[in-house]
Amino acid sequence: MGRAVKLFLIAGEPSGDALGASLMAGLKAARSDIEFSGIGGPLMQAEGLNSLFPVSDLSVMGLAEVLPRLRHLFKRRDQAANAVIEGQVDALITIDSPDFCLRVAKQVKIRAAKLPVIHYVAPTIWAWRAGRARKMARFVDHVLALFPFEPPLMQAVGMGCDFVGHPVAQMPQAAPEDCSAYRAGLGVGAGDPMLLMLPGSRRGEIARLGPRFGQVARGFLQAHPRAHIVLPAAPAIADDVAQMMAAWDLGPRAHLLDPRAAGADYPHQKSCAFGAADLALAASGTVSLELAAAKTPMVIAYDMAPLSRVLMRWMLKIDTVTLVNLISETRHIPEFLGKGFEPAPVLTALERLVSDQTARNDQIQAAEVSMARLGAGDRDPKARAAEAVLRVLGKEIVG
């Protein structure tokens, strides 16, 4: 086969880390001569990546949150671009996190114009800042899209694009008996509601959303004294989440799913928690698709720093930010955004999911439609993504 295929990957957030790890597994299955370098989290590292620096350095979101760390982020951008050039890689693959990844891609293209740049996760130009695609086309050659309506949007501005499917649509779900055992292990009785709380995967989100999530948790336990609350902590911010939950002081019916304690069993325990829950309160993002895959009814609540909130309201092109609503072309998932995220209306929406079976059924149907449109039952997304990468590089599948 000759010289190994050398790829530099960058993922800046937990969702990107999961996509990157899946892609790495698909590439290794397709060819045995792949070498990886780059920046990634624990899942990519488990697939063999030695991260250039901690991925937590990149876990910031929103203009107001980024500005104080701009100098540090520029330093990391230059460090990554230098590593790509010095590594003499065959391609740069950037995964989501466009504010950082595409700045690295731009620096790389300035210095190595012919190096293929592949971006995994199309920018949400259908939601806001449509001009990003045209700018991105100057230094990105090909896009791997998660949603079936995205390729024409990318191709219209000159980039190649493949719909590879969304990994969440084929994520293995915990078996019903495992979910029942998980509930029993927490002491959740038959008929007792179990609420999953997911306040984000970034430190800024935990700091900003945590107090209101805590108020909702207290209100829910007051309304349902036999209820249980489970909060799975993202590995990169487990310390922050543990401190936040301790500050809530909710008593014995609140449970932290701690990746530090769960170890290698954390993904399975998280899957059990998603499947065992009766309902969920979650921050906006990919987590809504994970809940949909588990058919867990949900309420979405999110807020940004004031400046980011104003800018987003000005530039947003859609009437919902919840992916399940967008993909299913329904509006069954209630969402409370910005100043609208107040504990009282959120509690009312959660109460409806406890008591109204029609509302629950509507969400479950929207979840099933979403998973089907994202590729459930089709070829594995990691195989499709790997095939697309190798096709761009002119390499054969030989695994």
Protein backbone atom coordinates (compact mmCIF):
# COMPACT_ATOMS: atom_id res chain seq x y z
CA MET A 1 0.00 0.00 0.00
CA GLY A 2 3.02 2.29 0.21
CA ARG A 3 3.26 5.20 2.63
CA ALA A 4 0.70 5.40 5.42
CA VAL A 5 -2.24 7.77 5.04
CA LYS A 6 -1.62 10.56 7.56
CA LEU A 7 -4.64 12.52 8.79
CA PHE A 8 -4.82 15.46 11.19
CA LEU A 9 -8.18 15.70 12.99
CA ILE A 10 -9.53 18.51 15.14
CA ALA A 11 -12.59 18.23 17.40
CA GLY A 12 -13.33 20.89 19.99
CA GLU A 13 -16.36 19.59 21.90
CA PRO A 14 -17.75 16.30 23.27
CA SER A 15 -20.13 15.88 20.32
CA GLY A 16 -17.25 16.42 17.90
CA ASP A 17 -15.09 14.02 19.89
CA ALA A 18 -17.76 11.33 19.43
CA LEU A 19 -17.96 12.00 15.69
CA GLY A 20 -14.18 12.00 15.40
CA ALA A 21 -13.85 8.71 17.25
CA SER A 22 -16.52 7.15 15.04
CA LEU A 23 -14.77 8.39 11.89
CA MET A 24 -11.42 7.07 13.12
CA ALA A 25 -12.96 3.65 13.73
CA GLY A 26 -14.49 3.68 10.25
CA LEU A 27 -11.19 4.66 8.64
CA LYS A 28 -9.28 1.96 10.52
CA ALA A 29 -11.83 -0.61 9.36
CA ALA A 30 -11.41 0.57 5.76
CA ARG A 31 -7.62 0.66 5.74
CA SER A 32 -4.90 -0.64 8.04
CA ASP A 33 -2.37 2.06 7.10
CA ILE A 34 -4.02 5.13 8.66
CA GLU A 35 -2.03 7.35 11.02
CA PHE A 36 -3.81 9.96 13.15
CA SER A 37 -2.65 13.15 14.81
CA GLY A 38 -4.55 16.20 15.98
CA ILE A 39 -6.74 17.48 18.79
CA GLY A 40 -9.51 15.50 20.41
CA GLY A 41 -11.10 14.30 23.61
CA PRO A 42 -11.16 10.97 25.44
CA LEU A 43 -13.10 9.06 22.77
CA MET A 44 -10.70 10.01 19.99
CA GLN A 45 -7.77 9.33 22.27
CA ALA A 46 -9.18 5.85 22.90
CA GLU A 47 -9.06 5.31 19.13
CA GLY A 48 -5.36 6.15 19.10
CA LEU A 49 -5.12 9.96 18.93
CA ASN A 50 -2.45 11.71 20.99
CA SER A 51 -4.07 15.13 21.45
CA LEU A 52 -1.84 18.12 20.77
CA PHE A 53 -3.41 19.96 23.73
CA PRO A 54 -6.44 19.46 26.01
CA VAL A 55 -9.68 19.75 24.09
CA SER A 56 -11.20 21.59 27.06
CA ASP A 57 -9.20 24.64 25.95
CA LEU A 58 -11.66 25.01 23.07
CA SER A 59 -14.94 24.48 24.93
CA VAL A 60 -16.31 28.01 24.75
CA MET A 61 -19.38 29.25 22.89
CA GLY A 62 -20.84 32.64 22.04
CA LEU A 63 -19.19 35.95 21.24
CA ALA A 64 -19.28 37.25 24.81
CA GLU A 65 -17.73 34.03 26.11
CA VAL A 66 -15.00 33.89 23.43
CA LEU A 67 -13.75 37.49 23.67
CA PRO A 68 -11.97 37.17 27.03
CA ARG A 69 -10.08 34.09 25.77
CA LEU A 70 -9.36 35.33 22.26
CA ARG A 71 -5.59 35.65 22.67
CA HIS A 72 -5.32 32.13 24.04
CA LEU A 73 -7.53 30.73 21.27
CA PHE A 74 -5.39 32.44 18.61
CA LYS A 75 -2.31 30.84 20.17
CA ARG A 76 -3.96 27.42 20.01
CA ARG A 77 -5.05 28.11 16.40
CA ASP A 78 -1.48 28.85 15.35
CA GLN A 79 -0.18 25.83 17.27
CA ALA A 80 -2.64 23.56 15.46
CA ALA A 81 -1.91 25.03 12.01
CA ASN A 82 1.84 24.64 12.56
CA ALA A 83 1.35 21.01 13.57
CA VAL A 84 -0.64 20.31 10.40
CA ILE A 85 2.08 21.77 8.17
CA GLU A 86 5.00 20.24 10.05
CA GLY A 87 3.29 16.84 10.13
CA GLN A 88 3.17 16.64 6.32
CA VAL A 89 -0.28 15.09 6.52
CA ASP A 90 -2.44 13.97 3.61
CA ALA A 91 -5.51 15.89 4.79
CA LEU A 92 -6.87 18.09 7.54
CA ILE A 93 -10.24 16.96 8.90
CA THR A 94 -12.00 19.51 11.07
CA ILE A 95 -15.01 18.38 13.08
CA ASP A 96 -17.74 20.84 14.05
CA SER A 97 -16.55 23.75 16.30
CA PRO A 98 -16.43 26.01 13.21
CA ASP A 99 -15.27 29.15 15.01
CA PHE A 100 -11.99 27.44 15.88
CA CYS A 101 -11.68 24.71 13.26
CA LEU A 102 -12.27 26.89 10.24
CA ARG A 103 -9.75 29.46 11.44
CA VAL A 104 -7.18 26.67 11.56
CA ALA A 105 -8.26 25.56 8.08
CA LYS A 106 -7.79 29.09 6.77
CA GLN A 107 -4.26 29.31 8.18
CA VAL A 108 -3.40 25.92 6.72
CA LYS A 109 -4.73 26.78 3.24
CA ILE A 110 -2.69 29.98 3.18
CA ARG A 111 0.47 27.92 3.66
CA ALA A 112 -0.52 24.71 1.83
CA ALA A 113 -3.15 25.54 -0.77
CA LYS A 114 -3.31 22.02 -2.22
CA LEU A 115 -3.78 20.19 1.07
CA PRO A 116 -7.31 18.72 1.16
CA VAL A 117 -9.46 20.14 3.95
CA ILE A 118 -12.56 18.18 4.93
CA HIS A 119 -15.06 19.58 7.42
CA TYR A 120 -17.34 17.16 9.29
CA VAL A 121 -20.68 18.78 10.26
CA ALA A 122 -21.99 21.41 7.88
CA PRO A 123 -22.46 24.87 9.38
CA THR A 124 -26.06 25.62 10.26
CA ILE A 125 -26.52 28.18 7.49
CA TRP A 126 -30.17 27.13 7.32
CA ALA A 127 -30.52 28.60 10.83
CA TRP A 128 -28.35 31.72 10.83
CA ARG A 129 -25.40 33.47 9.17
CA ALA A 130 -26.00 32.05 5.70
CA GLY A 131 -22.92 33.84 4.37
CA ARG A 132 -20.66 31.47 6.30
CA ALA A 133 -20.88 28.81 3.58
CA ARG A 134 -19.42 31.05 0.88
CA LYS A 135 -16.58 32.16 3.16
CA MET A 136 -15.95 28.58 4.23
CA ALA A 137 -15.68 27.45 0.59
CA ARG A 138 -12.46 29.45 0.25
CA PHE A 139 -10.55 27.01 2.45
CA VAL A 140 -12.70 23.86 2.73
CA ASP A 141 -12.82 21.36 -0.12
CA HIS A 142 -15.42 18.89 1.09
CA VAL A 143 -18.11 18.66 3.77
CA LEU A 144 -19.52 15.61 5.54
CA ALA A 145 -23.13 16.51 6.37
CA LEU A 146 -25.24 15.08 9.17
CA PHE A 147 -28.59 16.19 7.77
CA PRO A 148 -30.06 15.16 4.40
CA PHE A 149 -31.08 18.70 3.38
CA GLU A 150 -27.54 20.11 3.65
CA PRO A 151 -25.58 18.86 0.58
CA PRO A 152 -27.31 21.15 -1.95
CA LEU A 153 -26.58 24.15 0.27
CA MET A 154 -22.86 23.30 0.40
CA GLN A 155 -22.60 22.37 -3.28
CA ALA A 156 -24.24 25.66 -4.29
CA VAL A 157 -21.16 27.56 -3.12
CA GLY A 158 -18.60 25.21 -4.66
CA MET A 159 -17.80 22.63 -1.99
CA GLY A 160 -18.20 18.89 -2.38
CA CYS A 161 -20.62 17.41 0.14
CA ASP A 162 -21.85 13.98 1.20
CA PHE A 163 -24.75 13.22 3.52
CA VAL A 164 -23.24 10.52 5.71
CA GLY A 165 -26.04 10.16 8.24
CA HIS A 166 -26.07 11.07 11.90
CA PRO A 167 -24.39 8.57 14.27
CA VAL A 168 -27.07 9.10 16.89
CA ALA A 169 -29.60 7.42 14.58
CA GLN A 170 -27.70 4.15 14.91
CA MET A 171 -26.46 4.41 18.46
CA PRO A 172 -27.19 1.17 20.32
CA GLN A 173 -29.85 1.76 22.95
CA ALA A 174 -29.84 0.12 26.36
CA ALA A 175 -32.03 -2.97 26.59
CA PRO A 176 -35.37 -2.52 28.43
CA GLU A 177 -34.28 -4.90 31.17
CA ASP A 178 -31.08 -2.85 31.70
CA CYS A 179 -33.14 0.33 31.94
CA SER A 180 -35.47 -1.32 34.48
CA ALA A 181 -32.45 -2.48 36.48
CA TYR A 182 -31.02 1.04 36.40
CA ARG A 183 -34.25 2.49 37.81
CA ALA A 184 -34.36 -0.19 40.49
CA GLY A 185 -30.74 0.47 41.41
CA LEU A 186 -31.57 4.10 42.11
CA GLY A 187 -34.62 3.17 44.11
CA VAL A 188 -37.12 4.53 41.58
CA GLY A 189 -40.44 2.84 42.30
CA ALA A 190 -43.11 1.86 39.80
CA GLY A 191 -45.02 4.98 38.84
CA ASP A 192 -42.41 7.34 40.31
CA PRO A 193 -41.32 9.91 37.69
CA MET A 194 -37.63 9.97 36.77
CA LEU A 195 -36.42 13.29 35.37
CA LEU A 196 -33.16 13.48 33.43
CA MET A 197 -31.40 16.86 33.64
CA LEU A 198 -28.84 17.84 31.00
CA PRO A 199 -27.67 21.45 31.50
CA GLY A 200 -24.87 21.37 28.92
CA SER A 201 -21.40 20.09 28.20
CA ARG A 202 -19.41 23.32 28.56
CA ARG A 203 -18.28 25.11 31.71
CA GLY A 204 -19.92 28.33 30.55
CA GLU A 205 -23.25 26.58 30.09
CA ILE A 206 -23.08 24.99 33.53
CA ALA A 207 -22.30 28.34 35.14
CA ARG A 208 -25.03 30.17 33.22
CA LEU A 209 -27.80 27.57 33.16
CA GLY A 210 -27.08 25.68 36.37
CA PRO A 211 -28.93 27.95 38.83
CA ARG A 212 -32.16 27.83 36.82
CA PHE A 213 -31.88 24.09 36.25
CA GLY A 214 -31.47 23.76 40.01
CA GLN A 215 -34.63 25.81 40.64
CA VAL A 216 -36.55 23.59 38.22
CA ALA A 217 -35.21 20.48 39.96
CA ARG A 218 -36.35 21.74 43.37
CA GLY A 219 -39.76 22.68 41.99
CA PHE A 220 -40.19 19.28 40.35
CA LEU A 221 -39.32 17.42 43.55
CA GLN A 222 -41.75 19.60 45.50
CA ALA A 223 -44.53 18.78 43.02
CA HIS A 224 -43.56 15.10 42.92
CA PRO A 225 -42.09 14.06 46.30
CA ARG A 226 -41.46 10.52 45.05
CA ALA A 227 -39.68 11.66 41.88
CA HIS A 228 -35.99 11.02 41.18
CA ILE A 229 -33.61 13.26 39.27
CA VAL A 230 -30.55 12.00 37.37
CA LEU A 231 -27.84 14.25 36.00
CA PRO A 232 -25.24 12.65 33.70
CA ALA A 233 -22.05 14.74 33.79
CA ALA A 234 -20.02 15.27 30.63
CA PRO A 235 -16.53 13.84 31.31
CA ALA A 236 -14.68 17.09 30.56
CA ILE A 237 -16.62 19.04 33.19
CA ALA A 238 -17.42 16.36 35.76
CA ASP A 239 -15.90 18.40 38.62
CA ASP A 240 -18.00 21.45 37.76
CA VAL A 241 -21.21 19.43 37.50
CA ALA A 242 -20.57 17.65 40.79
CA GLN A 243 -20.03 20.99 42.56
CA MET A 244 -23.15 22.45 40.94
CA MET A 245 -25.32 19.53 41.97
CA ALA A 246 -23.96 19.60 45.53
CA ALA A 247 -24.91 23.29 45.70
CA TRP A 248 -28.46 22.41 44.64
CA ASP A 249 -28.76 20.31 47.83
CA LEU A 250 -31.67 18.24 46.51
CA GLY A 251 -31.37 15.31 48.89
CA PRO A 252 -31.24 11.55 48.31
CA ARG A 253 -33.57 11.49 45.30
CA ALA A 254 -31.06 13.39 43.13
CA HIS A 255 -28.36 11.26 41.53
CA LEU A 256 -25.16 12.31 39.76
CA LEU A 257 -24.05 9.97 37.00
CA ASP A 258 -20.33 10.60 37.43
CA PRO A 259 -18.01 9.43 34.64
CA ARG A 260 -15.11 9.42 37.10
CA ALA A 261 -16.83 6.75 39.19
CA ALA A 262 -18.43 4.86 36.29
CA GLY A 263 -15.19 4.57 34.32
CA ALA A 264 -15.44 2.46 31.18
CA ASP A 265 -19.07 1.63 32.00
CA TYR A 266 -20.14 5.28 31.74
CA PRO A 267 -21.50 5.11 28.14
CA HIS A 268 -23.66 2.13 29.04
CA GLN A 269 -24.89 3.73 32.25
CA LYS A 270 -25.68 6.92 30.36
CA SER A 271 -27.65 4.93 27.78
CA CYS A 272 -29.55 3.23 30.60
CA ALA A 273 -30.33 6.60 32.19
CA PHE A 274 -31.65 7.99 28.89
CA GLY A 275 -33.82 4.93 28.34
CA ALA A 276 -35.01 4.72 31.94
CA ALA A 277 -36.07 8.37 32.26
CA ASP A 278 -39.70 9.33 31.91
CA LEU A 279 -38.83 12.83 30.73
CA ALA A 280 -35.88 15.20 30.39
CA LEU A 281 -34.93 18.85 30.69
CA ALA A 282 -32.02 19.57 28.36
CA ALA A 283 -29.96 22.40 26.99
CA SER A 284 -30.25 22.92 23.25
CA GLY A 285 -27.97 20.87 21.00
CA THR A 286 -27.19 17.34 19.89
CA VAL A 287 -28.45 16.00 23.21
CA SER A 288 -32.01 16.45 21.92
CA LEU A 289 -31.24 13.86 19.24
CA GLU A 290 -29.81 11.47 21.85
CA LEU A 291 -33.04 11.80 23.80
CA ALA A 292 -35.05 11.27 20.62
CA ALA A 293 -33.09 8.09 19.89
CA ALA A 294 -34.07 6.86 23.35
CA LYS A 295 -37.67 8.04 22.77
CA THR A 296 -37.53 10.12 25.93
CA PRO A 297 -39.93 13.11 25.91
CA MET A 298 -38.16 16.39 26.62
CA VAL A 299 -38.27 20.11 27.29
CA ILE A 300 -35.47 22.31 25.93
CA ALA A 301 -34.17 25.30 27.90
CA TYR A 302 -31.22 27.48 26.99
CA ASP A 303 -29.74 30.92 27.43
CA MET A 304 -26.64 32.80 26.36
CA ALA A 305 -24.71 35.75 27.66
CA PRO A 306 -26.66 38.99 27.03
CA LEU A 307 -24.58 40.12 24.05
CA SER A 308 -24.71 36.70 22.40
CA ARG A 309 -28.47 36.58 23.04
CA VAL A 310 -29.03 39.90 21.24
CA LEU A 311 -26.89 38.90 18.28
CA MET A 312 -28.57 35.50 17.95
CA ARG A 313 -32.07 36.99 18.04
CA TRP A 314 -31.05 39.43 15.32
CA MET A 315 -29.52 36.82 13.01
CA LEU A 316 -31.68 33.73 13.61
CA LYS A 317 -33.60 32.57 10.51
CA ILE A 318 -35.74 29.80 12.04
CA ASP A 319 -38.54 29.67 14.60
CA THR A 320 -37.12 26.76 16.62
CA VAL A 321 -33.60 25.73 17.61
CA THR A 322 -34.49 22.18 18.59
CA LEU A 323 -33.15 19.67 16.06
CA VAL A 324 -36.01 17.21 16.56
CA ASN A 325 -38.52 19.93 15.70
CA LEU A 326 -36.56 20.90 12.59
CA ILE A 327 -35.93 17.41 11.26
CA SER A 328 -39.43 16.07 11.94
CA GLU A 329 -41.00 19.31 10.66
CA THR A 330 -43.11 19.53 13.80
CA ARG A 331 -43.02 21.76 16.86
CA HIS A 332 -43.85 19.18 19.51
CA ILE A 333 -40.75 19.81 21.65
CA PRO A 334 -41.37 22.87 23.88
CA GLU A 335 -38.40 25.20 24.20
CA PHE A 336 -37.65 28.11 26.51
CA LEU A 337 -34.86 30.34 25.25
CA GLY A 338 -33.12 33.46 26.47
CA LYS A 339 -35.29 35.53 28.78
CA GLY A 340 -38.05 32.97 28.22
CA PHE A 341 -36.10 30.42 30.25
CA GLU A 342 -37.79 30.86 33.61
CA PRO A 343 -38.42 28.00 36.07
CA ALA A 344 -42.21 28.42 36.29
CA PRO A 345 -43.12 27.88 32.59
CA VAL A 346 -40.52 25.13 32.30
CA LEU A 347 -42.11 23.32 35.23
CA THR A 348 -45.52 23.68 33.58
CA ALA A 349 -44.17 22.10 30.38
CA LEU A 350 -42.59 19.24 32.34
CA GLU A 351 -45.83 18.68 34.23
CA ARG A 352 -47.66 18.30 30.93
CA LEU A 353 -45.27 15.52 29.92
CA VAL A 354 -45.95 13.76 33.22
CA SER A 355 -49.72 13.91 32.91
CA ASP A 356 -50.60 14.20 29.19
CA GLN A 357 -50.07 10.98 27.23
CA THR A 358 -50.98 12.70 23.95
CA ALA A 359 -48.13 15.18 24.39
CA ARG A 360 -45.76 12.28 25.11
CA ASN A 361 -46.96 10.32 22.07
CA ASP A 362 -46.54 13.37 19.80
CA GLN A 363 -42.92 13.70 20.89
CA ILE A 364 -42.20 10.00 20.46
CA GLN A 365 -43.64 10.07 16.93
CA ALA A 366 -41.50 13.14 16.08
CA ALA A 367 -38.47 11.30 17.47
CA GLU A 368 -39.13 8.27 15.26
CA VAL A 369 -39.50 10.45 12.15
CA SER A 370 -36.26 12.27 13.01
CA MET A 371 -34.27 9.08 13.45
CA ALA A 372 -35.56 7.68 10.15
CA ARG A 373 -34.57 10.86 8.29
CA LEU A 374 -31.12 10.80 9.91
CA GLY A 375 -30.37 7.35 8.55
CA ALA A 376 -31.68 4.81 11.05
CA GLY A 377 -31.56 1.44 9.34
CA ASP A 378 -29.15 2.61 6.60
CA ARG A 379 -25.42 1.96 6.36
CA ASP A 380 -23.36 2.86 9.41
CA PRO A 381 -22.49 6.59 9.34
CA LYS A 382 -18.88 5.91 10.28
CA ALA A 383 -18.47 3.67 7.23
CA ARG A 384 -20.12 6.24 4.97
CA ALA A 385 -17.99 9.06 6.41
CA ALA A 386 -14.79 7.03 6.06
CA GLU A 387 -15.66 6.12 2.48
CA ALA A 388 -16.27 9.79 1.64
CA VAL A 389 -12.91 10.84 3.16
CA LEU A 390 -11.00 8.18 1.25
CA ARG A 391 -12.79 9.09 -1.98
CA VAL A 392 -11.74 12.73 -1.58
CA LEU A 393 -8.15 11.56 -1.09
CA GLY A 394 -8.29 9.15 -4.02
CA LYS A 395 -7.60 6.20 -1.74
CA GLU A 396 -9.13 2.74 -2.02
CA ILE A 397 -10.91 0.83 0.72
CA VAL A 398 -8.70 -2.16 1.38
CA GLY A 399 -9.75 -3.25 4.86
